[in-house]
Amino acid sequence: MAKKYVSRIVLMRNGSRITDFKNYKKMAVPYAKEVELMDEDGVVEVHKKYKYSIDYVIPKVGAKQDWSDVRDETWSVQYTEGGPKTTYTGVDCIEEGESDVDGQKEVVMTLTFVADGRILE
């Protein structure tokens, strides 16, 4: 029986596949902002920034990857089983978040990225 929904993705960084991640989260994209005016409320357009995060799994052997060098890169997210593809351009890593250590499973660290452009295919 064929799966009805997409449950996996392929994550690519500058054409190289990334496999040491546990979770991908696409964040909200603001299109406008509400502002208070003298007599009423108004809406102004904002510069779109595309944000996403991944939960990076720190390897048991070898050094963990340094994400501070992610500057102006191209990343793509391909939803498997024939799903759509999203390509992000001008990608920068803006935050290396907290690490979650539970003593039984892997150590996971959240990384947040921002992109200047997004291409939906």
C-alpha atoms as a PDB file:
ATOM      1  CA  MET A   1       0.000   0.000   0.000  1.00  0.00           C
ATOM      2  CA  ALA A   2       1.389   3.408  -0.966  1.00  0.00           C
ATOM      3  CA  LYS A   3       1.951   5.998   1.707  1.00  0.00           C
ATOM      4  CA  LYS A   4      -0.540   8.819   1.627  1.00  0.00           C
ATOM      5  CA  TYR A   5       1.641  11.498   3.213  1.00  0.00           C
ATOM      6  CA  VAL A   6       5.254  12.644   3.060  1.00  0.00           C
ATOM      7  CA  SER A   7       7.161  11.589   6.179  1.00  0.00           C
ATOM      8  CA  ARG A   8      10.819  11.962   5.157  1.00  0.00           C
ATOM      9  CA  ILE A   9      13.032  14.529   3.469  1.00  0.00           C
ATOM     10  CA  VAL A  10      16.411  14.689   1.769  1.00  0.00           C
ATOM     11  CA  LEU A  11      18.404  17.700   2.979  1.00  0.00           C
ATOM     12  CA  MET A  12      21.184  19.066   0.740  1.00  0.00           C
ATOM     13  CA  ARG A  13      23.829  21.685   1.609  1.00  0.00           C
ATOM     14  CA  ASN A  14      25.522  23.122  -1.503  1.00  0.00           C
ATOM     15  CA  GLY A  15      24.750  19.878  -3.345  1.00  0.00           C
ATOM     16  CA  SER A  16      25.991  17.525  -0.580  1.00  0.00           C
ATOM     17  CA  ARG A  17      23.520  15.389   1.307  1.00  0.00           C
ATOM     18  CA  ILE A  18      23.250  15.895   5.083  1.00  0.00           C
ATOM     19  CA  THR A  19      22.348  12.771   7.025  1.00  0.00           C
ATOM     20  CA  ASP A  20      23.225  13.623  10.639  1.00  0.00           C
ATOM     21  CA  PHE A  21      20.030  15.460  11.508  1.00  0.00           C
ATOM     22  CA  LYS A  22      16.891  14.350  13.273  1.00  0.00           C
ATOM     23  CA  ASN A  23      14.303  17.015  12.558  1.00  0.00           C
ATOM     24  CA  TYR A  24      13.606  19.809  10.045  1.00  0.00           C
ATOM     25  CA  LYS A  25      11.263  22.673  10.903  1.00  0.00           C
ATOM     26  CA  LYS A  26      10.151  25.365   8.462  1.00  0.00           C
ATOM     27  CA  MET A  27       9.265  28.541  10.326  1.00  0.00           C
ATOM     28  CA  ALA A  28       6.600  31.133   9.564  1.00  0.00           C
ATOM     29  CA  VAL A  29       7.205  33.685   6.794  1.00  0.00           C
ATOM     30  CA  PRO A  30       5.897  37.181   7.611  1.00  0.00           C
ATOM     31  CA  TYR A  31       4.411  39.065   4.640  1.00  0.00           C
ATOM     32  CA  ALA A  32       3.183  42.167   6.459  1.00  0.00           C
ATOM     33  CA  LYS A  33       3.169  43.820   9.857  1.00  0.00           C
ATOM     34  CA  GLU A  34       0.327  45.579  11.617  1.00  0.00           C
ATOM     35  CA  VAL A  35       1.154  49.137  12.712  1.00  0.00           C
ATOM     36  CA  GLU A  36      -0.766  51.639  14.783  1.00  0.00           C
ATOM     37  CA  LEU A  37      -1.536  54.914  13.041  1.00  0.00           C
ATOM     38  CA  MET A  38      -2.972  58.111  14.506  1.00  0.00           C
ATOM     39  CA  ASP A  39      -6.622  57.325  13.686  1.00  0.00           C
ATOM     40  CA  GLU A  40      -6.573  53.641  12.750  1.00  0.00           C
ATOM     41  CA  ASP A  41      -4.468  50.556  12.340  1.00  0.00           C
ATOM     42  CA  GLY A  42      -2.570  49.905   9.138  1.00  0.00           C
ATOM     43  CA  VAL A  43      -0.514  47.193   7.506  1.00  0.00           C
ATOM     44  CA  VAL A  44       2.936  47.567   5.992  1.00  0.00           C
ATOM     45  CA  GLU A  45       4.823  45.116   3.838  1.00  0.00           C
ATOM     46  CA  VAL A  46       7.981  43.607   5.376  1.00  0.00           C
ATOM     47  CA  HIS A  47      11.118  42.183   3.802  1.00  0.00           C
ATOM     48  CA  LYS A  48      10.567  38.419   3.617  1.00  0.00           C
ATOM     49  CA  LYS A  49      13.068  36.254   5.459  1.00  0.00           C
ATOM     50  CA  TYR A  50      12.801  32.504   5.213  1.00  0.00           C
ATOM     51  CA  LYS A  51      13.797  30.655   8.378  1.00  0.00           C
ATOM     52  CA  TYR A  52      14.144  26.996   9.161  1.00  0.00           C
ATOM     53  CA  SER A  53      15.867  24.879  11.778  1.00  0.00           C
ATOM     54  CA  ILE A  54      17.347  21.413  11.982  1.00  0.00           C
ATOM     55  CA  ASP A  55      18.137  19.253  14.966  1.00  0.00           C
ATOM     56  CA  TYR A  56      21.765  18.220  14.380  1.00  0.00           C
ATOM     57  CA  VAL A  57      22.835  14.924  15.939  1.00  0.00           C
ATOM     58  CA  ILE A  58      26.375  15.206  17.339  1.00  0.00           C
ATOM     59  CA  PRO A  59      28.472  12.202  16.195  1.00  0.00           C
ATOM     60  CA  LYS A  60      29.981   9.772  18.727  1.00  0.00           C
ATOM     61  CA  VAL A  61      33.249   9.536  16.790  1.00  0.00           C
ATOM     62  CA  GLY A  62      35.152  12.505  15.398  1.00  0.00           C
ATOM     63  CA  ALA A  63      34.631  16.213  15.790  1.00  0.00           C
ATOM     64  CA  LYS A  64      31.224  17.804  15.592  1.00  0.00           C
ATOM     65  CA  GLN A  65      30.643  19.974  12.552  1.00  0.00           C
ATOM     66  CA  ASP A  66      31.291  23.709  12.835  1.00  0.00           C
ATOM     67  CA  TRP A  67      28.198  25.520  11.578  1.00  0.00           C
ATOM     68  CA  SER A  68      29.552  29.064  12.031  1.00  0.00           C
ATOM     69  CA  ASP A  69      30.918  29.011   8.465  1.00  0.00           C
ATOM     70  CA  VAL A  70      27.481  28.702   6.827  1.00  0.00           C
ATOM     71  CA  ARG A  71      27.347  31.952   4.847  1.00  0.00           C
ATOM     72  CA  ASP A  72      25.516  32.672   1.579  1.00  0.00           C
ATOM     73  CA  GLU A  73      24.926  28.991   0.787  1.00  0.00           C
ATOM     74  CA  THR A  74      22.283  27.115  -1.182  1.00  0.00           C
ATOM     75  CA  TRP A  75      20.255  24.471   0.643  1.00  0.00           C
ATOM     76  CA  SER A  76      17.432  22.308  -0.656  1.00  0.00           C
ATOM     77  CA  VAL A  77      14.763  20.220   0.986  1.00  0.00           C
ATOM     78  CA  GLN A  78      13.288  17.431  -1.162  1.00  0.00           C
ATOM     79  CA  TYR A  79      10.175  15.855   0.266  1.00  0.00           C
ATOM     80  CA  THR A  80      10.460  12.165  -0.565  1.00  0.00           C
ATOM     81  CA  GLU A  81       7.865   9.913  -2.156  1.00  0.00           C
ATOM     82  CA  GLY A  82       7.403  12.393  -5.014  1.00  0.00           C
ATOM     83  CA  GLY A  83       6.762  15.458  -2.879  1.00  0.00           C
ATOM     84  CA  PRO A  84       7.761  19.042  -3.659  1.00  0.00           C
ATOM     85  CA  LYS A  85      11.241  20.521  -3.442  1.00  0.00           C
ATOM     86  CA  THR A  86      12.193  23.805  -1.756  1.00  0.00           C
ATOM     87  CA  THR A  87      15.508  25.514  -2.523  1.00  0.00           C
ATOM     88  CA  TYR A  88      16.810  28.211  -0.206  1.00  0.00           C
ATOM     89  CA  THR A  89      19.411  30.735  -1.438  1.00  0.00           C
ATOM     90  CA  GLY A  90      21.627  33.097   0.528  1.00  0.00           C
ATOM     91  CA  VAL A  91      21.506  30.828   3.586  1.00  0.00           C
ATOM     92  CA  ASP A  92      23.281  31.834   6.815  1.00  0.00           C
ATOM     93  CA  CYS A  93      23.377  29.974  10.123  1.00  0.00           C
ATOM     94  CA  ILE A  94      22.152  32.504  12.682  1.00  0.00           C
ATOM     95  CA  GLU A  95      22.047  30.427  15.844  1.00  0.00           C
ATOM     96  CA  GLU A  96      23.547  27.320  17.366  1.00  0.00           C
ATOM     97  CA  GLY A  97      20.989  26.470  20.003  1.00  0.00           C
ATOM     98  CA  GLU A  98      21.033  24.417  23.150  1.00  0.00           C
ATOM     99  CA  SER A  99      22.048  20.768  23.201  1.00  0.00           C
ATOM    100  CA  ASP A 100      19.651  18.184  24.555  1.00  0.00           C
ATOM    101  CA  VAL A 101      21.367  15.329  26.409  1.00  0.00           C
ATOM    102  CA  ASP A 102      19.166  12.650  27.952  1.00  0.00           C
ATOM    103  CA  GLY A 103      21.824  10.040  28.790  1.00  0.00           C
ATOM    104  CA  GLN A 104      20.183   7.300  26.731  1.00  0.00           C
ATOM    105  CA  LYS A 105      19.949   8.461  23.134  1.00  0.00           C
ATOM    106  CA  GLU A 106      21.898  10.862  20.947  1.00  0.00           C
ATOM    107  CA  VAL A 107      22.925  14.431  21.763  1.00  0.00           C
ATOM    108  CA  VAL A 108      20.847  16.810  19.653  1.00  0.00           C
ATOM    109  CA  MET A 109      21.565  20.499  19.007  1.00  0.00           C
ATOM    110  CA  THR A 110      19.130  22.850  17.259  1.00  0.00           C
ATOM    111  CA  LEU A 111      20.553  25.054  14.479  1.00  0.00           C
ATOM    112  CA  THR A 112      18.592  27.984  13.046  1.00  0.00           C
ATOM    113  CA  PHE A 113      19.097  29.262   9.504  1.00  0.00           C
ATOM    114  CA  VAL A 114      17.826  32.282   7.560  1.00  0.00           C
ATOM    115  CA  ALA A 115      17.669  32.597   3.767  1.00  0.00           C
ATOM    116  CA  ASP A 116      17.238  35.570   1.427  1.00  0.00           C
ATOM    117  CA  GLY A 117      15.373  33.610  -1.232  1.00  0.00           C
ATOM    118  CA  ARG A 118      13.136  30.579  -1.612  1.00  0.00           C
ATOM    119  CA  ILE A 119      12.238  28.647  -4.766  1.00  0.00           C
ATOM    120  CA  LEU A 120       9.279  26.260  -4.598  1.00  0.00           C
ATOM    121  CA  GLU A 121       9.312  23.468  -7.198  1.00  0.00           C
END
